[in-house]
Amino acid sequence: MGTLIDRFDEHDGPVRGVHFHKSQPLFVSGGDDYKIKVWNYKLRRCLFTLLGHLDYIRTVAFHQVICLLSIVTLSFAHQCCSASLPAAFPPLQQ
């Protein structure tokens, strides 16, 4: 069994999707609380939360080139959407 190194504990329920950015100290998480959170793991805090989804978040991912998140929810019909990161968010390094 592994050793817990750190804990990021702001979701209200299980987390179903996590994705780490390839060049920034960031990861995004989504779960059963219908929330998506973008974290800075060096600062050990949530930078912002995306609200308004109507179903569980199953998959989250950073776009590989542009400043965008991809989000997948599952309900009676498969739904997929994208969200631009806020303007106050630092530009992603290439």
C-alpha atoms as a PDB file:
ATOM      1  CA  MET A   1       0.000   0.000   0.000  1.00  0.00           C
ATOM      2  CA  GLY A   2       1.246   3.507  -0.845  1.00  0.00           C
ATOM      3  CA  THR A   3       1.888   6.498   1.381  1.00  0.00           C
ATOM      4  CA  LEU A   4      -0.360   9.565   1.237  1.00  0.00           C
ATOM      5  CA  ILE A   5       1.775  12.536   0.182  1.00  0.00           C
ATOM      6  CA  ASP A   6      -0.886  15.256   0.023  1.00  0.00           C
ATOM      7  CA  ARG A   7      -4.647  15.673   0.066  1.00  0.00           C
ATOM      8  CA  PHE A   8      -6.787  18.084  -1.980  1.00  0.00           C
ATOM      9  CA  ASP A   9     -10.145  17.885  -0.263  1.00  0.00           C
ATOM     10  CA  GLU A  10     -12.787  20.318  -1.573  1.00  0.00           C
ATOM     11  CA  HIS A  11     -15.201  18.139  -3.539  1.00  0.00           C
ATOM     12  CA  ASP A  12     -18.504  17.112  -1.938  1.00  0.00           C
ATOM     13  CA  GLY A  13     -18.449  13.449  -2.903  1.00  0.00           C
ATOM     14  CA  PRO A  14     -16.380  11.121  -5.070  1.00  0.00           C
ATOM     15  CA  VAL A  15     -13.997  12.497  -7.710  1.00  0.00           C
ATOM     16  CA  ARG A  16     -14.384  10.690 -11.053  1.00  0.00           C
ATOM     17  CA  GLY A  17     -11.853  12.473 -13.262  1.00  0.00           C
ATOM     18  CA  VAL A  18      -8.417  14.039 -12.784  1.00  0.00           C
ATOM     19  CA  HIS A  19      -5.977  15.346 -15.383  1.00  0.00           C
ATOM     20  CA  PHE A  20      -2.538  16.932 -14.893  1.00  0.00           C
ATOM     21  CA  HIS A  21      -1.329  19.709 -17.192  1.00  0.00           C
ATOM     22  CA  LYS A  22       1.734  18.732 -19.212  1.00  0.00           C
ATOM     23  CA  SER A  23       3.829  21.862 -18.467  1.00  0.00           C
ATOM     24  CA  GLN A  24       2.163  23.820 -15.636  1.00  0.00           C
ATOM     25  CA  PRO A  25       1.825  22.863 -11.939  1.00  0.00           C
ATOM     26  CA  LEU A  26      -1.898  22.348 -12.459  1.00  0.00           C
ATOM     27  CA  PHE A  27      -4.479  19.629 -12.357  1.00  0.00           C
ATOM     28  CA  VAL A  28      -8.225  19.619 -12.920  1.00  0.00           C
ATOM     29  CA  SER A  29     -10.729  17.443 -11.060  1.00  0.00           C
ATOM     30  CA  GLY A  30     -14.418  16.688 -11.521  1.00  0.00           C
ATOM     31  CA  GLY A  31     -16.852  14.545  -9.615  1.00  0.00           C
ATOM     32  CA  ASP A  32     -20.278  13.625  -8.349  1.00  0.00           C
ATOM     33  CA  ASP A  33     -20.856  17.101  -6.848  1.00  0.00           C
ATOM     34  CA  TYR A  34     -21.291  18.509 -10.416  1.00  0.00           C
ATOM     35  CA  LYS A  35     -18.213  20.735  -9.867  1.00  0.00           C
ATOM     36  CA  ILE A  36     -14.966  21.108 -11.777  1.00  0.00           C
ATOM     37  CA  LYS A  37     -11.981  22.454  -9.884  1.00  0.00           C
ATOM     38  CA  VAL A  38      -8.653  23.693 -11.215  1.00  0.00           C
ATOM     39  CA  TRP A  39      -5.804  23.304  -8.748  1.00  0.00           C
ATOM     40  CA  ASN A  40      -2.217  24.484  -8.408  1.00  0.00           C
ATOM     41  CA  TYR A  41      -0.406  21.620  -6.712  1.00  0.00           C
ATOM     42  CA  LYS A  42       2.664  23.740  -5.863  1.00  0.00           C
ATOM     43  CA  LEU A  43       0.482  26.259  -4.014  1.00  0.00           C
ATOM     44  CA  ARG A  44      -1.646  23.363  -2.667  1.00  0.00           C
ATOM     45  CA  ARG A  45      -4.920  25.164  -3.343  1.00  0.00           C
ATOM     46  CA  CYS A  46      -7.901  25.350  -5.648  1.00  0.00           C
ATOM     47  CA  LEU A  47      -7.586  28.276  -8.080  1.00  0.00           C
ATOM     48  CA  PHE A  48     -11.221  28.300  -9.144  1.00  0.00           C
ATOM     49  CA  THR A  49     -14.376  26.194  -9.422  1.00  0.00           C
ATOM     50  CA  LEU A  50     -16.605  25.810 -12.479  1.00  0.00           C
ATOM     51  CA  LEU A  51     -20.280  25.471 -11.515  1.00  0.00           C
ATOM     52  CA  GLY A  52     -23.514  24.939 -13.403  1.00  0.00           C
ATOM     53  CA  HIS A  53     -23.253  21.378 -14.657  1.00  0.00           C
ATOM     54  CA  LEU A  54     -26.441  19.346 -14.420  1.00  0.00           C
ATOM     55  CA  ASP A  55     -24.897  15.900 -13.992  1.00  0.00           C
ATOM     56  CA  TYR A  56     -21.899  14.096 -12.542  1.00  0.00           C
ATOM     57  CA  ILE A  57     -18.562  15.011 -14.089  1.00  0.00           C
ATOM     58  CA  ARG A  58     -16.929  11.880 -15.492  1.00  0.00           C
ATOM     59  CA  THR A  59     -13.899  13.104 -17.441  1.00  0.00           C
ATOM     60  CA  VAL A  60     -11.874  16.312 -17.447  1.00  0.00           C
ATOM     61  CA  ALA A  61      -8.800  17.217 -19.493  1.00  0.00           C
ATOM     62  CA  PHE A  62      -6.652  20.168 -20.456  1.00  0.00           C
ATOM     63  CA  HIS A  63      -6.437  20.823 -24.181  1.00  0.00           C
ATOM     64  CA  GLN A  64      -2.904  20.083 -25.378  1.00  0.00           C
ATOM     65  CA  VAL A  65      -2.445  23.344 -27.310  1.00  0.00           C
ATOM     66  CA  ILE A  66      -4.887  26.086 -26.308  1.00  0.00           C
ATOM     67  CA  CYS A  67      -6.105  27.354 -22.943  1.00  0.00           C
ATOM     68  CA  LEU A  68      -9.198  25.144 -22.757  1.00  0.00           C
ATOM     69  CA  LEU A  69     -10.704  22.409 -20.593  1.00  0.00           C
ATOM     70  CA  SER A  70     -12.671  19.484 -22.021  1.00  0.00           C
ATOM     71  CA  ILE A  71     -15.482  18.145 -19.832  1.00  0.00           C
ATOM     72  CA  VAL A  72     -17.640  15.027 -20.197  1.00  0.00           C
ATOM     73  CA  THR A  73     -20.809  14.296 -18.222  1.00  0.00           C
ATOM     74  CA  LEU A  74     -23.008  11.220 -18.499  1.00  0.00           C
ATOM     75  CA  SER A  75     -26.771  11.223 -18.170  1.00  0.00           C
ATOM     76  CA  PHE A  76     -29.467   9.742 -20.398  1.00  0.00           C
ATOM     77  CA  ALA A  77     -27.544  11.129 -23.360  1.00  0.00           C
ATOM     78  CA  HIS A  78     -23.792  11.587 -23.626  1.00  0.00           C
ATOM     79  CA  GLN A  79     -22.908  15.249 -23.210  1.00  0.00           C
ATOM     80  CA  CYS A  80     -19.605  16.962 -23.843  1.00  0.00           C
ATOM     81  CA  CYS A  81     -18.651  20.588 -23.485  1.00  0.00           C
ATOM     82  CA  SER A  82     -15.583  22.817 -23.330  1.00  0.00           C
ATOM     83  CA  ALA A  83     -14.778  25.780 -21.129  1.00  0.00           C
ATOM     84  CA  SER A  84     -12.250  28.525 -21.690  1.00  0.00           C
ATOM     85  CA  LEU A  85     -10.054  29.212 -18.706  1.00  0.00           C
ATOM     86  CA  PRO A  86     -10.669  32.636 -17.088  1.00  0.00           C
ATOM     87  CA  ALA A  87      -8.759  35.638 -18.430  1.00  0.00           C
ATOM     88  CA  ALA A  88      -7.083  36.069 -15.041  1.00  0.00           C
ATOM     89  CA  PHE A  89      -5.584  32.604 -15.397  1.00  0.00           C
ATOM     90  CA  PRO A  90      -1.869  32.725 -16.314  1.00  0.00           C
ATOM     91  CA  PRO A  91      -1.124  31.872 -19.954  1.00  0.00           C
ATOM     92  CA  LEU A  92      -0.078  28.283 -20.545  1.00  0.00           C
ATOM     93  CA  GLN A  93       3.541  27.866 -21.564  1.00  0.00           C
ATOM     94  CA  GLN A  94       4.191  25.987 -24.797  1.00  0.00           C
END
